Amino acid sequence: MNAATLLIRHGRIATMTGAQNLPGDGPLGFVEDGLIAASGEQIAYVGAEAATRLRKPKAKPQPGEGEEIEIAPNAVEIDAQGQLVTPGLVEPHSHLLFAGDRADEFSQRLAGSTYAEIAQAGGGILATVKSTREAKDEDLVLAARERLERLARAGVTTVEVKSGYGLSVEGELRLLRLIREAANGAPCDVVPTLLALHAVPPEMDSRAWVEAVLKEVLPQAMHDKLAHGIDAFCEKGAFGTDECRTVLEAGSPDTCTPIS
């Protein structure tokens, strides 16, 4: 291996190896008093530190058991002091770019209101659509970047971000462009997803919206490479299986991959 530029020593490393699902499995493939050695952006070693021999720059190789790891002259060394070291977390489903606040809906749900009842009373997805449509671009991007930073501080290295709060041709394309802007320079990887079939827009019926997505939103999103995947909300009161299948299958494996 090339000389290590990063060493994380004395960690409790979750390697995630082995079975994890059944009682008694795992847990998490822990390695106690572990070492992680990386060369540039490539992890070169994960295992018990006792099973290695660390060689300082320009030092001659020494005989002995265990894997020898050469340390680069300017290597960064972190003593984890027995703390947990895990792989980066992946947030696979988020609606991170939005405006408004629907925190009061939690108490309504706890009190017994159904999702449909909340929507009929003016809440739900369409409430966030209204707030997001009215919000300024710069405010949406700023809020999204703050959320991305909080996720990164919590250990998230990749986050999927859906559109779905525009619910018009220009509105959905606008959100995808703002997601791309928010992702620029973000501390984690951002995977944008087109979720035009999130709810039926108040201005039209579902059939008309599906047609607009197929003929206008999706082709433009693919042409501009605004989305990595396509999602759809298949639910009573939203979209049926045929509508969702039609839009998902219209995607291209090279540009917008169905994820539902």
Protein backbone atom coordinates (compact mmCIF):
# COMPACT_ATOMS: atom_id res chain seq x y z
CA MET A 1 0.00 0.00 0.00
CA ASN A 2 1.04 3.62 -0.46
CA ALA A 3 2.08 5.57 2.61
CA ALA A 4 -0.83 6.35 4.93
CA THR A 5 -1.89 9.99 4.99
CA LEU A 6 -4.55 9.48 7.69
CA LEU A 7 -4.52 7.24 10.75
CA ILE A 8 -7.48 6.83 13.11
CA ARG A 9 -6.13 4.91 16.08
CA HIS A 10 -7.59 3.21 19.15
CA GLY A 11 -11.16 3.32 17.90
CA ARG A 12 -14.10 1.01 18.42
CA ILE A 13 -14.64 0.37 14.73
CA ALA A 14 -17.96 -0.78 13.31
CA THR A 15 -16.87 -2.72 10.23
CA MET A 16 -20.45 -3.86 9.40
CA THR A 17 -19.10 -7.27 8.41
CA GLY A 18 -20.98 -10.51 9.01
CA ALA A 19 -24.67 -11.18 9.60
CA GLN A 20 -26.57 -8.36 11.31
CA ASN A 21 -30.27 -9.20 11.18
CA LEU A 22 -30.93 -12.00 13.66
CA PRO A 23 -30.70 -11.99 17.48
CA GLY A 24 -27.14 -12.74 18.43
CA ASP A 25 -25.71 -11.55 15.12
CA GLY A 26 -23.03 -8.90 15.08
CA PRO A 27 -23.18 -6.49 16.64
CA LEU A 28 -21.94 -4.37 13.75
CA GLY A 29 -18.72 -6.35 13.31
CA PHE A 30 -16.88 -4.40 16.01
CA VAL A 31 -13.10 -4.27 16.18
CA GLU A 32 -11.90 -3.06 19.55
CA ASP A 33 -8.77 -0.89 19.76
CA GLY A 34 -8.91 -0.68 16.00
CA LEU A 35 -6.95 1.19 13.38
CA ILE A 36 -8.06 2.77 10.12
CA ALA A 37 -5.34 3.78 7.67
CA ALA A 38 -6.11 5.75 4.56
CA SER A 39 -3.91 6.77 1.67
CA GLY A 40 -5.44 9.83 0.04
CA GLU A 41 -9.11 9.05 -0.45
CA GLN A 42 -8.66 5.27 -0.32
CA ILE A 43 -9.01 3.25 2.87
CA ALA A 44 -6.05 0.90 2.93
CA TYR A 45 -6.45 -0.91 6.24
CA VAL A 46 -9.19 -1.57 8.81
CA GLY A 47 -8.50 -3.89 11.70
CA ALA A 48 -6.90 -4.36 15.07
CA GLU A 49 -3.97 -2.03 15.68
CA ALA A 50 -2.16 -4.85 17.45
CA ALA A 51 -2.03 -6.72 14.13
CA THR A 52 0.00 -3.96 12.45
CA ARG A 53 3.48 -2.47 12.52
CA LEU A 54 3.55 1.29 11.94
CA ARG A 55 6.69 2.55 10.21
CA LYS A 56 7.62 6.22 10.41
CA PRO A 57 8.82 8.14 7.32
CA LYS A 58 12.27 7.08 6.06
CA ALA A 59 12.53 4.38 8.72
CA LYS A 60 13.77 1.02 7.53
CA PRO A 61 11.30 -1.85 7.37
CA GLN A 62 11.42 -4.01 10.48
CA PRO A 63 10.83 -7.74 10.54
CA GLY A 64 7.93 -9.05 12.55
CA GLU A 65 4.38 -10.25 12.43
CA GLY A 66 1.40 -8.23 11.26
CA GLU A 67 0.85 -5.85 8.40
CA GLU A 68 3.40 -3.08 8.04
CA ILE A 69 1.96 0.37 7.39
CA GLU A 70 4.22 3.18 6.29
CA ILE A 71 3.22 6.61 7.58
CA ALA A 72 3.52 9.56 5.17
CA PRO A 73 5.59 12.55 6.41
CA ASN A 74 2.59 14.86 6.79
CA ALA A 75 0.09 12.23 7.86
CA VAL A 76 -2.82 13.25 10.08
CA GLU A 77 -3.17 11.07 13.15
CA ILE A 78 -6.34 10.98 15.25
CA ASP A 79 -6.61 9.21 18.58
CA ALA A 80 -10.22 8.03 18.79
CA GLN A 81 -9.72 7.16 22.50
CA GLY A 82 -12.04 4.19 22.29
CA GLN A 83 -14.89 6.12 20.70
CA LEU A 84 -17.15 4.60 18.05
CA VAL A 85 -15.99 4.92 14.44
CA THR A 86 -18.61 4.03 11.82
CA PRO A 87 -18.93 4.14 8.04
CA GLY A 88 -20.58 7.29 6.74
CA LEU A 89 -24.33 7.35 7.18
CA VAL A 90 -26.61 7.54 4.13
CA GLU A 91 -29.87 9.51 4.24
CA PRO A 92 -31.84 7.70 1.48
CA HIS A 93 -35.06 9.76 1.59
CA SER A 94 -35.32 13.47 2.32
CA HIS A 95 -37.39 16.51 1.35
CA LEU A 96 -34.63 18.84 2.39
CA LEU A 97 -35.43 21.85 0.21
CA PHE A 98 -38.69 23.41 1.39
CA ALA A 99 -40.22 26.39 3.17
CA GLY A 100 -42.82 26.56 5.93
CA ASP A 101 -43.44 24.59 9.09
CA ARG A 102 -45.89 21.76 9.70
CA ALA A 103 -44.77 20.78 13.18
CA ASP A 104 -48.31 21.22 14.47
CA GLU A 105 -49.37 18.22 12.37
CA PHE A 106 -47.50 15.90 14.73
CA SER A 107 -49.88 16.77 17.55
CA GLN A 108 -52.84 16.38 15.19
CA ARG A 109 -51.70 12.89 14.22
CA LEU A 110 -51.18 11.99 17.89
CA ALA A 111 -54.70 13.21 18.58
CA GLY A 112 -56.06 10.80 15.98
CA SER A 113 -56.37 12.87 12.80
CA THR A 114 -55.58 10.97 9.62
CA TYR A 115 -53.20 12.21 6.94
CA ALA A 116 -56.18 12.72 4.61
CA GLU A 117 -58.08 14.72 7.22
CA ILE A 118 -55.11 17.00 7.78
CA ALA A 119 -54.77 17.55 4.03
CA GLN A 120 -58.48 18.33 3.68
CA ALA A 121 -58.10 20.95 6.42
CA GLY A 122 -55.39 22.74 4.43
CA GLY A 123 -52.32 20.99 5.79
CA GLY A 124 -50.16 18.23 4.38
CA ILE A 125 -48.06 18.38 1.24
CA LEU A 126 -50.01 21.19 -0.40
CA ALA A 127 -49.39 23.46 2.59
CA THR A 128 -45.64 23.07 2.06
CA VAL A 129 -46.11 23.54 -1.69
CA LYS A 130 -47.74 26.91 -1.07
CA SER A 131 -44.97 28.06 1.28
CA THR A 132 -42.21 26.80 -1.03
CA ARG A 133 -43.69 28.47 -4.09
CA GLU A 134 -43.81 31.77 -2.21
CA ALA A 135 -40.27 31.53 -0.84
CA LYS A 136 -37.31 33.31 -2.43
CA ASP A 137 -34.69 31.17 -4.16
CA GLU A 138 -31.89 32.44 -1.92
CA ASP A 139 -33.85 31.62 1.24
CA LEU A 140 -34.55 28.07 0.08
CA VAL A 141 -30.90 27.48 -0.81
CA LEU A 142 -29.65 28.95 2.48
CA ALA A 143 -32.01 26.78 4.53
CA ALA A 144 -31.08 23.69 2.55
CA ARG A 145 -27.37 24.30 3.06
CA GLU A 146 -27.88 24.68 6.81
CA ARG A 147 -29.72 21.34 6.88
CA LEU A 148 -26.96 19.69 4.87
CA GLU A 149 -24.37 20.98 7.33
CA ARG A 150 -26.34 19.60 10.28
CA LEU A 151 -26.58 16.22 8.57
CA ALA A 152 -22.84 16.17 7.89
CA ARG A 153 -22.08 17.00 11.53
CA ALA A 154 -24.19 13.98 12.49
CA GLY A 155 -22.11 11.67 10.30
CA VAL A 156 -24.12 11.69 7.07
CA THR A 157 -21.90 11.47 4.00
CA THR A 158 -24.60 11.04 1.30
CA VAL A 159 -28.12 12.48 1.24
CA GLU A 160 -30.88 12.02 -1.32
CA VAL A 161 -32.97 15.17 -1.82
CA LYS A 162 -36.35 15.11 -3.56
CA SER A 163 -38.25 17.83 -5.36
CA GLY A 164 -42.03 17.63 -5.08
CA TYR A 165 -42.97 20.96 -3.51
CA GLY A 166 -43.19 22.86 -6.80
CA LEU A 167 -45.95 20.84 -8.48
CA SER A 168 -45.84 22.81 -11.71
CA VAL A 169 -43.58 22.45 -14.71
CA GLU A 170 -41.45 25.46 -13.82
CA GLY A 171 -41.82 24.83 -10.10
CA GLU A 172 -40.36 21.32 -10.20
CA LEU A 173 -37.51 22.34 -12.49
CA ARG A 174 -36.85 25.31 -10.23
CA LEU A 175 -36.50 23.07 -7.17
CA LEU A 176 -34.14 20.68 -8.96
CA ARG A 177 -31.94 23.62 -9.97
CA LEU A 178 -31.97 24.94 -6.40
CA ILE A 179 -31.05 21.50 -5.05
CA ARG A 180 -28.06 21.52 -7.39
CA GLU A 181 -27.12 25.00 -6.19
CA ALA A 182 -27.43 24.00 -2.53
CA ALA A 183 -25.28 20.93 -3.19
CA ASN A 184 -22.45 23.04 -4.59
CA GLY A 185 -19.77 22.98 -1.92
CA ALA A 186 -21.87 20.92 0.49
CA PRO A 187 -19.99 18.88 3.13
CA CYS A 188 -21.69 15.67 1.93
CA ASP A 189 -22.69 14.14 -1.39
CA VAL A 190 -26.16 15.17 -2.62
CA VAL A 191 -28.24 12.91 -4.87
CA PRO A 192 -31.17 14.84 -6.44
CA THR A 193 -34.44 13.04 -7.20
CA LEU A 194 -37.39 14.20 -9.29
CA LEU A 195 -40.59 13.67 -7.30
CA ALA A 196 -43.08 15.49 -9.50
CA LEU A 197 -45.71 12.87 -8.62
CA HIS A 198 -45.77 13.90 -4.97
CA ALA A 199 -49.32 15.24 -4.90
CA VAL A 200 -51.92 16.42 -7.39
CA PRO A 201 -51.44 20.16 -8.04
CA PRO A 202 -54.39 22.32 -7.00
CA GLU A 203 -54.55 23.80 -10.52
CA MET A 204 -55.22 20.54 -12.42
CA ASP A 205 -56.28 16.92 -12.12
CA SER A 206 -53.90 13.98 -11.85
CA ARG A 207 -54.23 12.96 -15.51
CA ALA A 208 -53.26 16.42 -16.75
CA TRP A 209 -50.34 16.60 -14.32
CA VAL A 210 -48.98 13.19 -15.29
CA GLU A 211 -49.10 14.26 -18.94
CA ALA A 212 -47.26 17.49 -18.13
CA VAL A 213 -44.60 15.56 -16.25
CA LEU A 214 -44.12 13.14 -19.13
CA LYS A 215 -44.04 15.76 -21.87
CA GLU A 216 -42.35 18.71 -20.14
CA VAL A 217 -40.82 18.15 -16.71
CA LEU A 218 -39.07 14.83 -17.24
CA PRO A 219 -37.57 15.57 -20.69
CA GLN A 220 -36.18 18.90 -19.47
CA ALA A 221 -34.83 17.38 -16.25
CA MET A 222 -33.08 14.65 -18.23
CA HIS A 223 -31.75 17.10 -20.82
CA ASP A 224 -30.27 19.36 -18.13
CA LYS A 225 -29.16 16.39 -15.97
CA LEU A 226 -30.95 17.85 -12.97
CA ALA A 227 -31.93 14.56 -11.32
CA HIS A 228 -30.23 11.28 -10.63
CA GLY A 229 -33.49 9.39 -10.16
CA ILE A 230 -37.29 9.52 -10.33
CA ASP A 231 -39.68 8.81 -7.50
CA ALA A 232 -43.49 8.76 -7.26
CA PHE A 233 -46.02 8.72 -4.42
CA CYS A 234 -48.33 5.77 -5.01
CA GLU A 235 -51.13 6.26 -2.51
CA LYS A 236 -54.89 6.72 -2.32
CA GLY A 237 -55.53 10.42 -2.81
CA ALA A 238 -52.24 10.85 -4.68
CA PHE A 239 -51.38 8.68 -7.71
CA GLY A 240 -52.32 5.18 -8.80
CA THR A 241 -50.01 2.37 -9.79
CA ASP A 242 -50.53 2.89 -13.53
CA GLU A 243 -49.74 6.60 -13.30
CA CYS A 244 -46.62 5.98 -11.23
CA ARG A 245 -45.43 3.16 -13.48
CA THR A 246 -45.85 5.30 -16.60
CA VAL A 247 -43.67 8.09 -15.23
CA LEU A 248 -41.06 5.82 -13.65
CA GLU A 249 -40.62 3.81 -16.84
CA ALA A 250 -40.19 7.01 -18.86
CA GLY A 251 -36.88 7.64 -17.15
CA SER A 252 -33.53 6.76 -18.65
CA PRO A 253 -30.95 4.55 -16.92
CA ASP A 254 -28.31 7.05 -18.00
CA THR A 255 -30.01 10.13 -16.54
CA CYS A 256 -33.06 9.53 -14.34
CA THR A 257 -33.28 6.07 -12.81
CA PRO A 258 -36.55 4.90 -11.21
CA ILE A 259 -36.05 4.43 -7.46
CA SER A 260 -39.56 3.37 -6.42
